[in-house]
C-alpha atoms as a PDB file:
ATOM      1  CA  UNK A   1       0.000   0.000   0.000  1.00  0.00           C
ATOM      2  CA  UNK A   2       1.563   3.238  -1.183  1.00  0.00           C
ATOM      3  CA  UNK A   3       0.617   6.253   0.941  1.00  0.00           C
ATOM      4  CA  UNK A   4       0.765   9.478  -1.030  1.00  0.00           C
ATOM      5  CA  UNK A   5      -0.304  11.617   1.925  1.00  0.00           C
ATOM      6  CA  UNK A   6       2.395  14.143   2.702  1.00  0.00           C
ATOM      7  CA  UNK A   7       4.362  14.965   5.813  1.00  0.00           C
ATOM      8  CA  UNK A   8       2.466  18.261   5.801  1.00  0.00           C
ATOM      9  CA  UNK A   9      -0.820  16.300   6.114  1.00  0.00           C
ATOM     10  CA  UNK A  10       0.601  14.308   9.005  1.00  0.00           C
ATOM     11  CA  UNK A  11       1.998  17.356  10.816  1.00  0.00           C
ATOM     12  CA  UNK A  12      -1.347  19.156  10.571  1.00  0.00           C
ATOM     13  CA  UNK A  13      -2.898  16.375  12.682  1.00  0.00           C
ATOM     14  CA  UNK A  14       0.006  16.028  15.100  1.00  0.00           C
ATOM     15  CA  UNK A  15      -0.286  17.803  18.411  1.00  0.00           C
ATOM     16  CA  UNK A  16       2.508  19.109  20.516  1.00  0.00           C
ATOM     17  CA  UNK A  17       5.211  21.678  20.365  1.00  0.00           C
ATOM     18  CA  UNK A  18       8.453  21.174  18.471  1.00  0.00           C
ATOM     19  CA  UNK A  19      11.103  20.357  21.078  1.00  0.00           C
ATOM     20  CA  UNK A  20      14.742  21.232  20.627  1.00  0.00           C
ATOM     21  CA  UNK A  21      17.949  21.710  22.549  1.00  0.00           C
ATOM     22  CA  UNK A  22      21.119  23.739  22.025  1.00  0.00           C
ATOM     23  CA  UNK A  23      24.316  21.889  21.091  1.00  0.00           C
ATOM     24  CA  UNK A  24      26.116  23.200  24.181  1.00  0.00           C
ATOM     25  CA  UNK A  25      23.647  21.704  26.658  1.00  0.00           C
ATOM     26  CA  UNK A  26      24.531  18.482  28.437  1.00  0.00           C
ATOM     27  CA  UNK A  27      23.291  15.086  27.382  1.00  0.00           C
ATOM     28  CA  UNK A  28      21.715  14.797  30.848  1.00  0.00           C
ATOM     29  CA  UNK A  29      19.602  17.894  30.106  1.00  0.00           C
ATOM     30  CA  UNK A  30      18.595  16.407  26.757  1.00  0.00           C
ATOM     31  CA  UNK A  31      17.523  13.101  28.318  1.00  0.00           C
ATOM     32  CA  UNK A  32      15.656  14.960  31.053  1.00  0.00           C
ATOM     33  CA  UNK A  33      13.785  17.045  28.436  1.00  0.00           C
ATOM     34  CA  UNK A  34      12.915  13.932  26.433  1.00  0.00           C
ATOM     35  CA  UNK A  35      11.609  12.204  29.564  1.00  0.00           C
ATOM     36  CA  UNK A  36       9.525  15.231  30.638  1.00  0.00           C
ATOM     37  CA  UNK A  37       7.896  15.408  27.195  1.00  0.00           C
ATOM     38  CA  UNK A  38       7.669  11.653  26.626  1.00  0.00           C
ATOM     39  CA  UNK A  39       9.547  11.852  23.338  1.00  0.00           C
ATOM     40  CA  UNK A  40      12.470   9.887  21.938  1.00  0.00           C
ATOM     41  CA  UNK A  41      14.472  12.599  20.174  1.00  0.00           C
ATOM     42  CA  UNK A  42      15.235  16.302  20.142  1.00  0.00           C
ATOM     43  CA  UNK A  43      16.276  18.551  17.311  1.00  0.00           C
ATOM     44  CA  UNK A  44      19.572  20.295  17.984  1.00  0.00           C
ATOM     45  CA  UNK A  45      19.155  23.927  16.979  1.00  0.00           C
ATOM     46  CA  UNK A  46      21.314  27.034  17.309  1.00  0.00           C
ATOM     47  CA  UNK A  47      20.469  30.466  15.866  1.00  0.00           C
ATOM     48  CA  UNK A  48      17.379  28.988  14.149  1.00  0.00           C
ATOM     49  CA  UNK A  49      19.599  26.517  12.285  1.00  0.00           C
ATOM     50  CA  UNK A  50      19.103  22.757  12.512  1.00  0.00           C
ATOM     51  CA  UNK A  51      22.499  21.316  13.368  1.00  0.00           C
ATOM     52  CA  UNK A  52      21.571  17.772  14.276  1.00  0.00           C
ATOM     53  CA  UNK A  53      19.316  15.421  16.162  1.00  0.00           C
ATOM     54  CA  UNK A  54      19.897  13.609  19.444  1.00  0.00           C
ATOM     55  CA  UNK A  55      17.917  10.554  20.506  1.00  0.00           C
ATOM     56  CA  UNK A  56      17.559   8.057  23.309  1.00  0.00           C
ATOM     57  CA  UNK A  57      19.431   5.647  21.052  1.00  0.00           C
ATOM     58  CA  UNK A  58      22.383   8.071  20.934  1.00  0.00           C
ATOM     59  CA  UNK A  59      22.341   8.219  24.734  1.00  0.00           C
ATOM     60  CA  UNK A  60      22.298   4.442  25.074  1.00  0.00           C
ATOM     61  CA  UNK A  61      25.024   3.795  22.512  1.00  0.00           C
ATOM     62  CA  UNK A  62      27.320   6.780  22.974  1.00  0.00           C
ATOM     63  CA  UNK A  63      27.042   7.424  26.710  1.00  0.00           C
ATOM     64  CA  UNK A  64      25.872   4.360  28.641  1.00  0.00           C
ATOM     65  CA  UNK A  65      27.677   1.696  26.627  1.00  0.00           C
ATOM     66  CA  UNK A  66      30.883   3.734  26.528  1.00  0.00           C
ATOM     67  CA  UNK A  67      30.852   4.496  30.252  1.00  0.00           C
ATOM     68  CA  UNK A  68      30.656   8.252  29.735  1.00  0.00           C
ATOM     69  CA  UNK A  69      28.891  10.726  31.987  1.00  0.00           C
ATOM     70  CA  UNK A  70      25.751  12.374  30.629  1.00  0.00           C
ATOM     71  CA  UNK A  71      26.355  15.340  32.943  1.00  0.00           C
ATOM     72  CA  UNK A  72      29.853  15.904  31.536  1.00  0.00           C
ATOM     73  CA  UNK A  73      29.119  15.288  27.845  1.00  0.00           C
ATOM     74  CA  UNK A  74      27.630  17.898  25.533  1.00  0.00           C
ATOM     75  CA  UNK A  75      24.834  17.204  23.073  1.00  0.00           C
ATOM     76  CA  UNK A  76      27.082  18.287  20.187  1.00  0.00           C
ATOM     77  CA  UNK A  77      29.454  15.447  21.083  1.00  0.00           C
ATOM     78  CA  UNK A  78      26.874  12.709  20.426  1.00  0.00           C
ATOM     79  CA  UNK A  79      24.278  14.229  18.070  1.00  0.00           C
ATOM     80  CA  UNK A  80      23.760  12.938  14.541  1.00  0.00           C
ATOM     81  CA  UNK A  81      25.042  15.678  12.291  1.00  0.00           C
ATOM     82  CA  UNK A  82      24.126  16.513   9.663  1.00  0.00           C
ATOM     83  CA  UNK A  83      20.722  14.995  10.215  1.00  0.00           C
ATOM     84  CA  UNK A  84      18.818  13.141   7.520  1.00  0.00           C
ATOM     85  CA  UNK A  85      15.729  15.273   6.956  1.00  0.00           C
ATOM     86  CA  UNK A  86      12.627  15.546   4.799  1.00  0.00           C
ATOM     87  CA  UNK A  87      10.420  18.376   3.575  1.00  0.00           C
ATOM     88  CA  UNK A  88       6.685  18.790   4.176  1.00  0.00           C
ATOM     89  CA  UNK A  89       6.177  17.606   0.570  1.00  0.00           C
ATOM     90  CA  UNK A  90       7.663  14.151   1.144  1.00  0.00           C
ATOM     91  CA  UNK A  91       5.082  11.372   1.269  1.00  0.00           C
ATOM     92  CA  UNK A  92       4.501   9.058   4.203  1.00  0.00           C
ATOM     93  CA  UNK A  93       5.728   6.160   2.055  1.00  0.00           C
ATOM     94  CA  UNK A  94       8.927   8.020   1.136  1.00  0.00           C
ATOM     95  CA  UNK A  95       9.587   8.719   4.819  1.00  0.00           C
ATOM     96  CA  UNK A  96       9.124   5.053   5.689  1.00  0.00           C
ATOM     97  CA  UNK A  97      11.605   4.060   2.974  1.00  0.00           C
ATOM     98  CA  UNK A  98      14.151   6.633   4.183  1.00  0.00           C
ATOM     99  CA  UNK A  99      13.806   5.536   7.801  1.00  0.00           C
ATOM    100  CA  UNK A 100      14.177   1.876   6.871  1.00  0.00           C
ATOM    101  CA  UNK A 101      17.186   2.460   4.614  1.00  0.00           C
ATOM    102  CA  UNK A 102      18.957   4.750   7.097  1.00  0.00           C
ATOM    103  CA  UNK A 103      17.850   2.779  10.209  1.00  0.00           C
ATOM    104  CA  UNK A 104      16.302   5.904  11.760  1.00  0.00           C
ATOM    105  CA  UNK A 105      13.390   6.382  14.119  1.00  0.00           C
ATOM    106  CA  UNK A 106      13.011  10.168  13.751  1.00  0.00           C
ATOM    107  CA  UNK A 107      13.155  12.547  10.792  1.00  0.00           C
ATOM    108  CA  UNK A 108      13.368  16.316  11.117  1.00  0.00           C
ATOM    109  CA  UNK A 109      11.085  18.187   8.722  1.00  0.00           C
ATOM    110  CA  UNK A 110      12.767  21.197   7.129  1.00  0.00           C
ATOM    111  CA  UNK A 111      11.338  23.941   4.951  1.00  0.00           C
ATOM    112  CA  UNK A 112      13.223  27.018   3.740  1.00  0.00           C
ATOM    113  CA  UNK A 113      16.229  25.981   5.833  1.00  0.00           C
ATOM    114  CA  UNK A 114      14.188  25.943   9.072  1.00  0.00           C
ATOM    115  CA  UNK A 115      12.998  23.014  11.146  1.00  0.00           C
ATOM    116  CA  UNK A 116       9.192  22.942  11.072  1.00  0.00           C
ATOM    117  CA  UNK A 117       8.569  19.569  12.664  1.00  0.00           C
ATOM    118  CA  UNK A 118       9.701  16.049  13.348  1.00  0.00           C
ATOM    119  CA  UNK A 119       8.115  12.725  12.436  1.00  0.00           C
ATOM    120  CA  UNK A 120       8.758   9.465  14.204  1.00  0.00           C
ATOM    121  CA  UNK A 121       8.322   5.938  12.955  1.00  0.00           C
ATOM    122  CA  UNK A 122       5.379   5.747  15.378  1.00  0.00           C
ATOM    123  CA  UNK A 123       3.750   8.759  13.720  1.00  0.00           C
ATOM    124  CA  UNK A 124       4.081   7.094  10.312  1.00  0.00           C
ATOM    125  CA  UNK A 125       2.780   3.730  11.501  1.00  0.00           C
ATOM    126  CA  UNK A 126      -0.215   5.345  13.244  1.00  0.00           C
ATOM    127  CA  UNK A 127      -0.982   7.399  10.104  1.00  0.00           C
ATOM    128  CA  UNK A 128      -0.802   4.269   7.955  1.00  0.00           C
ATOM    129  CA  UNK A 129      -3.096   2.317  10.287  1.00  0.00           C
ATOM    130  CA  UNK A 130      -5.622   5.160  10.309  1.00  0.00           C
ATOM    131  CA  UNK A 131      -5.622   5.356   6.508  1.00  0.00           C
ATOM    132  CA  UNK A 132      -6.050   1.579   6.233  1.00  0.00           C
ATOM    133  CA  UNK A 133      -8.993   1.710   8.647  1.00  0.00           C
ATOM    134  CA  UNK A 134     -10.593   4.474   6.561  1.00  0.00           C
ATOM    135  CA  UNK A 135     -10.134   2.413   3.389  1.00  0.00           C
ATOM    136  CA  UNK A 136     -11.633  -0.686   5.027  1.00  0.00           C
ATOM    137  CA  UNK A 137     -14.604   1.369   6.237  1.00  0.00           C
ATOM    138  CA  UNK A 138     -15.207   2.761   2.729  1.00  0.00           C
ATOM    139  CA  UNK A 139     -14.901  -0.678   1.142  1.00  0.00           C
ATOM    140  CA  UNK A 140     -17.280  -2.168   3.698  1.00  0.00           C
ATOM    141  CA  UNK A 141     -19.915   0.429   2.829  1.00  0.00           C
ATOM    142  CA  UNK A 142     -19.353  -0.167  -0.879  1.00  0.00           C
ATOM    143  CA  UNK A 143     -19.606  -3.964  -0.580  1.00  0.00           C
ATOM    144  CA  UNK A 144     -22.584  -3.787   1.781  1.00  0.00           C
ATOM    145  CA  UNK A 145     -24.435  -1.936  -0.954  1.00  0.00           C
ATOM    146  CA  UNK A 146     -25.219   1.307   0.802  1.00  0.00           C
ATOM    147  CA  UNK A 147     -26.270   2.816  -2.488  1.00  0.00           C
ATOM    148  CA  UNK A 148     -28.570   5.809  -2.771  1.00  0.00           C
ATOM    149  CA  UNK A 149     -32.013   5.071  -4.225  1.00  0.00           C
END
């Protein structure tokens, strides 16, 4: 099933504020912010410019497993930079292919060189499920013969 709905469509239904952190903040502060907002990644932004992305996966692999201190390590030391990103015009299907190929769970959305959102694999899966449910509902009505007249 190819979903031609765009990231813009998805973002218009997504609630919540875009969360970010400065590159000079500590990894501890980043993890704390992710926990407070129940999210798995933060955009790393300075002077309105997207520099990277930092995720719980980065914390686990680059801090915990290496025995580093999250209070002594800066976000810029572990962030993914430059980040793989998409535009609001990318389709849901394109995003899923990018995430699968790049082994990512979060994609920043950039327009006119500014971060305008972020989509997670969960966002894309939920969108796909909702669209499949809508299609099933429409087909059910068609098959059941709910014809006018």
